[in-house]
Amino acid sequence: MKKIEISVKKKDEDGKEIIQTVREREVPHIEEFVSQGFRWAFHDLETAVLESRKEVSDKIVSEYLEYISEKKREVSQGAKKYGVKDTEKRVNLVQ
């Protein structure tokens, strides 16, 4: 068996990486295609890729939502600290 690695990175507007997630799975090698037959080996390959892609997608969305939540909390706390009530002014506090 060989391995496949799927990774996803989320970068900010400056190109700085803020989130990364990686999944690694075993996939059939050429010998498995010969011994198992193409259909079964391809099924194993396709399943590994699809499951890895789903896991990576779910994880990156979850981590990004958590990141956004933290930033929103920081904005909210900064606004309270300075007594700002207007939403547009809150955004400017973080930048």
N, C-alpha and C. Protein backbone atom coordinates (compact mmCIF):
# COMPACT_ATOMS: atom_id res chain seq x y z
N MET A 1 0.84 -1.19 0.00
CA MET A 1 0.00 0.00 0.00
C MET A 1 0.88 1.25 0.00
N LYS A 2 0.40 2.25 -0.66
CA LYS A 2 1.03 3.57 -0.69
C LYS A 2 0.12 4.53 0.06
N LYS A 3 0.59 5.75 0.26
CA LYS A 3 -0.22 6.74 0.98
C LYS A 3 -0.51 7.93 0.10
N ILE A 4 -1.66 8.52 0.35
CA ILE A 4 -2.05 9.77 -0.30
C ILE A 4 -2.26 10.79 0.81
N GLU A 5 -1.85 12.02 0.55
CA GLU A 5 -1.99 13.07 1.54
C GLU A 5 -2.78 14.21 0.91
N ILE A 6 -3.81 14.64 1.60
CA ILE A 6 -4.63 15.76 1.15
C ILE A 6 -4.52 16.84 2.21
N SER A 7 -4.17 18.06 1.77
CA SER A 7 -4.05 19.16 2.72
C SER A 7 -4.79 20.38 2.20
N VAL A 8 -5.28 21.17 3.15
CA VAL A 8 -5.97 22.41 2.82
C VAL A 8 -5.41 23.49 3.72
N LYS A 9 -5.16 24.67 3.15
CA LYS A 9 -4.65 25.80 3.92
C LYS A 9 -5.58 26.99 3.69
N LYS A 10 -5.80 27.74 4.74
CA LYS A 10 -6.55 28.99 4.67
C LYS A 10 -5.55 30.08 4.96
N LYS A 11 -5.46 31.06 4.05
CA LYS A 11 -4.52 32.16 4.22
C LYS A 11 -5.28 33.47 4.31
N ASP A 12 -4.70 34.42 5.03
CA ASP A 12 -5.32 35.74 5.11
C ASP A 12 -4.93 36.55 3.88
N GLU A 13 -5.39 37.79 3.83
CA GLU A 13 -5.14 38.63 2.66
C GLU A 13 -3.66 38.95 2.43
N ASP A 14 -2.84 38.79 3.45
CA ASP A 14 -1.40 39.01 3.32
C ASP A 14 -0.65 37.74 2.90
N GLY A 15 -1.37 36.65 2.74
CA GLY A 15 -0.75 35.38 2.38
C GLY A 15 -0.25 34.58 3.56
N LYS A 16 -0.51 35.07 4.77
CA LYS A 16 -0.09 34.36 5.98
C LYS A 16 -1.06 33.21 6.24
N GLU A 17 -0.50 32.04 6.46
CA GLU A 17 -1.31 30.85 6.72
C GLU A 17 -1.93 30.96 8.11
N ILE A 18 -3.27 30.86 8.17
CA ILE A 18 -3.93 30.95 9.47
C ILE A 18 -4.48 29.59 9.92
N ILE A 19 -4.77 28.71 8.97
CA ILE A 19 -5.30 27.39 9.30
C ILE A 19 -4.76 26.38 8.29
N GLN A 20 -4.39 25.21 8.77
CA GLN A 20 -3.99 24.13 7.87
C GLN A 20 -4.49 22.82 8.45
N THR A 21 -4.96 21.96 7.58
CA THR A 21 -5.35 20.62 8.02
C THR A 21 -4.88 19.62 6.96
N VAL A 22 -4.46 18.45 7.42
CA VAL A 22 -3.90 17.43 6.53
C VAL A 22 -4.51 16.08 6.90
N ARG A 23 -4.80 15.28 5.89
CA ARG A 23 -5.25 13.91 6.10
C ARG A 23 -4.42 12.99 5.22
N GLU A 24 -4.07 11.85 5.78
CA GLU A 24 -3.27 10.88 5.06
C GLU A 24 -3.99 9.54 5.07
N ARG A 25 -4.04 8.88 3.94
CA ARG A 25 -4.69 7.58 3.82
C ARG A 25 -3.84 6.63 2.99
N GLU A 26 -4.00 5.36 3.27
CA GLU A 26 -3.34 4.36 2.44
C GLU A 26 -4.18 4.12 1.19
N VAL A 27 -3.49 3.97 0.07
CA VAL A 27 -4.16 3.69 -1.20
C VAL A 27 -3.45 2.52 -1.87
N PRO A 28 -4.16 1.82 -2.73
CA PRO A 28 -3.56 0.66 -3.39
C PRO A 28 -2.39 1.05 -4.30
N HIS A 29 -1.39 0.21 -4.32
CA HIS A 29 -0.25 0.38 -5.21
C HIS A 29 -0.52 -0.50 -6.44
N ILE A 30 0.35 -0.44 -7.41
CA ILE A 30 0.17 -1.17 -8.67
C ILE A 30 -0.04 -2.67 -8.44
N GLU A 31 0.64 -3.22 -7.43
CA GLU A 31 0.50 -4.66 -7.16
C GLU A 31 -0.94 -5.02 -6.77
N GLU A 32 -1.58 -4.13 -5.99
CA GLU A 32 -2.97 -4.39 -5.59
C GLU A 32 -3.91 -4.35 -6.79
N PHE A 33 -3.62 -3.48 -7.75
CA PHE A 33 -4.45 -3.44 -8.96
C PHE A 33 -4.36 -4.75 -9.71
N VAL A 34 -3.19 -5.36 -9.69
CA VAL A 34 -3.00 -6.64 -10.38
C VAL A 34 -3.63 -7.78 -9.57
N SER A 35 -3.34 -7.84 -8.26
CA SER A 35 -3.82 -8.96 -7.45
C SER A 35 -5.31 -8.89 -7.13
N GLN A 36 -5.84 -7.70 -6.81
CA GLN A 36 -7.26 -7.55 -6.48
C GLN A 36 -8.14 -7.42 -7.72
N GLY A 37 -7.55 -6.98 -8.77
CA GLY A 37 -8.33 -6.64 -9.96
C GLY A 37 -8.57 -5.14 -9.95
N PHE A 38 -8.69 -4.58 -11.12
CA PHE A 38 -8.79 -3.13 -11.25
C PHE A 38 -9.99 -2.56 -10.51
N ARG A 39 -11.15 -3.18 -10.67
CA ARG A 39 -12.38 -2.63 -10.08
C ARG A 39 -12.27 -2.48 -8.56
N TRP A 40 -11.77 -3.49 -7.86
CA TRP A 40 -11.70 -3.44 -6.40
C TRP A 40 -10.61 -2.49 -5.92
N ALA A 41 -9.48 -2.52 -6.59
CA ALA A 41 -8.40 -1.61 -6.20
C ALA A 41 -8.80 -0.16 -6.46
N PHE A 42 -9.47 0.09 -7.59
CA PHE A 42 -9.93 1.45 -7.88
C PHE A 42 -10.96 1.90 -6.85
N HIS A 43 -11.83 1.00 -6.45
CA HIS A 43 -12.82 1.32 -5.41
C HIS A 43 -12.12 1.73 -4.11
N ASP A 44 -11.09 0.98 -3.72
CA ASP A 44 -10.33 1.31 -2.51
C ASP A 44 -9.66 2.68 -2.65
N LEU A 45 -9.10 2.95 -3.80
CA LEU A 45 -8.46 4.24 -4.06
C LEU A 45 -9.48 5.37 -3.99
N GLU A 46 -10.58 5.21 -4.69
CA GLU A 46 -11.61 6.25 -4.72
C GLU A 46 -12.20 6.51 -3.33
N THR A 47 -12.46 5.45 -2.58
CA THR A 47 -12.99 5.59 -1.23
C THR A 47 -12.03 6.36 -0.33
N ALA A 48 -10.76 6.02 -0.39
CA ALA A 48 -9.75 6.70 0.43
C ALA A 48 -9.69 8.19 0.10
N VAL A 49 -9.71 8.51 -1.18
CA VAL A 49 -9.64 9.91 -1.59
C VAL A 49 -10.89 10.67 -1.16
N LEU A 50 -12.06 10.10 -1.40
CA LEU A 50 -13.31 10.78 -1.05
C LEU A 50 -13.45 10.98 0.46
N GLU A 51 -13.11 9.97 1.24
CA GLU A 51 -13.19 10.10 2.69
C GLU A 51 -12.20 11.14 3.21
N SER A 52 -11.00 11.14 2.67
CA SER A 52 -9.99 12.13 3.09
C SER A 52 -10.43 13.54 2.73
N ARG A 53 -10.96 13.69 1.54
CA ARG A 53 -11.42 15.01 1.11
C ARG A 53 -12.54 15.52 2.01
N LYS A 54 -13.47 14.64 2.37
CA LYS A 54 -14.56 15.04 3.25
C LYS A 54 -14.05 15.43 4.62
N GLU A 55 -13.15 14.62 5.18
CA GLU A 55 -12.59 14.93 6.50
C GLU A 55 -11.85 16.27 6.49
N VAL A 56 -11.06 16.52 5.46
CA VAL A 56 -10.31 17.77 5.36
C VAL A 56 -11.28 18.94 5.22
N SER A 57 -12.28 18.78 4.38
CA SER A 57 -13.26 19.86 4.18
C SER A 57 -14.01 20.17 5.46
N ASP A 58 -14.48 19.14 6.14
CA ASP A 58 -15.21 19.35 7.40
C ASP A 58 -14.32 20.03 8.44
N LYS A 59 -13.09 19.59 8.54
CA LYS A 59 -12.16 20.12 9.54
C LYS A 59 -11.81 21.58 9.24
N ILE A 60 -11.54 21.92 7.99
CA ILE A 60 -11.14 23.29 7.66
C ILE A 60 -12.30 24.25 7.87
N VAL A 61 -13.52 23.83 7.54
CA VAL A 61 -14.69 24.69 7.76
C VAL A 61 -14.89 24.91 9.26
N SER A 62 -14.78 23.85 10.04
CA SER A 62 -14.95 23.95 11.49
C SER A 62 -13.89 24.88 12.10
N GLU A 63 -12.64 24.69 11.71
CA GLU A 63 -11.56 25.52 12.24
C GLU A 63 -11.71 26.98 11.80
N TYR A 64 -12.17 27.21 10.57
CA TYR A 64 -12.34 28.57 10.09
C TYR A 64 -13.48 29.27 10.84
N LEU A 65 -14.56 28.56 11.08
CA LEU A 65 -15.66 29.14 11.84
C LEU A 65 -15.22 29.48 13.27
N GLU A 66 -14.41 28.63 13.84
CA GLU A 66 -13.87 28.89 15.17
C GLU A 66 -12.96 30.13 15.14
N TYR A 67 -12.15 30.25 14.11
CA TYR A 67 -11.27 31.41 13.94
C TYR A 67 -12.09 32.69 13.82
N ILE A 68 -13.14 32.66 13.01
CA ILE A 68 -14.02 33.82 12.85
C ILE A 68 -14.68 34.18 14.18
N SER A 69 -15.12 33.17 14.90
CA SER A 69 -15.76 33.38 16.19
C SER A 69 -14.81 34.08 17.16
N GLU A 70 -13.55 33.65 17.18
CA GLU A 70 -12.55 34.27 18.06
C GLU A 70 -12.34 35.74 17.67
N LYS A 71 -12.26 36.00 16.37
CA LYS A 71 -12.06 37.38 15.91
C LYS A 71 -13.26 38.25 16.28
N LYS A 72 -14.45 37.70 16.14
CA LYS A 72 -15.66 38.44 16.48
C LYS A 72 -15.67 38.76 17.98
N ARG A 73 -15.26 37.80 18.79
CA ARG A 73 -15.18 38.00 20.23
C ARG A 73 -14.18 39.10 20.57
N GLU A 74 -13.04 39.11 19.87
CA GLU A 74 -12.03 40.15 20.10
C GLU A 74 -12.59 41.53 19.75
N VAL A 75 -13.33 41.61 18.65
CA VAL A 75 -13.94 42.88 18.24
C VAL A 75 -14.94 43.33 19.29
N SER A 76 -15.75 42.41 19.74
CA SER A 76 -16.77 42.72 20.72
C SER A 76 -16.14 43.19 22.04
N GLN A 77 -15.10 42.52 22.48
CA GLN A 77 -14.42 42.92 23.72
C GLN A 77 -13.74 44.27 23.56
N GLY A 78 -13.17 44.52 22.38
CA GLY A 78 -12.53 45.81 22.12
C GLY A 78 -13.56 46.93 22.10
N ALA A 79 -14.72 46.64 21.56
CA ALA A 79 -15.78 47.65 21.51
C ALA A 79 -16.27 47.97 22.92
N LYS A 80 -16.42 46.95 23.74
CA LYS A 80 -16.86 47.18 25.13
C LYS A 80 -15.82 48.00 25.88
N LYS A 81 -14.55 47.69 25.63
CA LYS A 81 -13.46 48.39 26.31
C LYS A 81 -13.49 49.89 26.01
N TYR A 82 -13.80 50.21 24.75
CA TYR A 82 -13.81 51.61 24.34
C TYR A 82 -15.20 52.22 24.29
N GLY A 83 -16.21 51.45 24.69
CA GLY A 83 -17.57 51.95 24.72
C GLY A 83 -18.18 52.20 23.35
N VAL A 84 -17.71 51.48 22.33
CA VAL A 84 -18.21 51.64 20.96
C VAL A 84 -19.43 50.75 20.77
N LYS A 85 -20.48 51.33 20.19
CA LYS A 85 -21.69 50.54 19.96
C LYS A 85 -21.94 50.29 18.49
N ASP A 86 -21.40 51.10 17.60
CA ASP A 86 -21.64 50.98 16.17
C ASP A 86 -20.81 49.81 15.61
N THR A 87 -21.44 48.93 14.83
CA THR A 87 -20.79 47.75 14.30
C THR A 87 -19.62 48.10 13.39
N GLU A 88 -19.75 49.10 12.54
CA GLU A 88 -18.66 49.47 11.63
C GLU A 88 -17.45 49.93 12.42
N LYS A 89 -17.65 50.63 13.49
CA LYS A 89 -16.53 51.09 14.31
C LYS A 89 -15.85 49.92 15.00
N ARG A 90 -16.62 48.88 15.32
CA ARG A 90 -16.05 47.69 15.97
C ARG A 90 -15.05 47.03 15.03
N VAL A 91 -15.40 46.90 13.77
CA VAL A 91 -14.52 46.26 12.80
C VAL A 91 -13.20 47.01 12.71
N ASN A 92 -13.24 48.32 12.75
CA ASN A 92 -12.03 49.12 12.65
C ASN A 92 -11.11 48.95 13.85
N LEU A 93 -11.64 48.55 14.97
CA LEU A 93 -10.81 48.33 16.17
C LEU A 93 -9.86 47.16 15.99
N VAL A 94 -10.29 46.14 15.25
CA VAL A 94 -9.47 44.94 15.07
C VAL A 94 -8.34 45.20 14.08
N GLN A 95 -8.58 46.01 13.10
CA GLN A 95 -7.60 46.22 12.03
C GLN A 95 -6.45 47.06 12.44
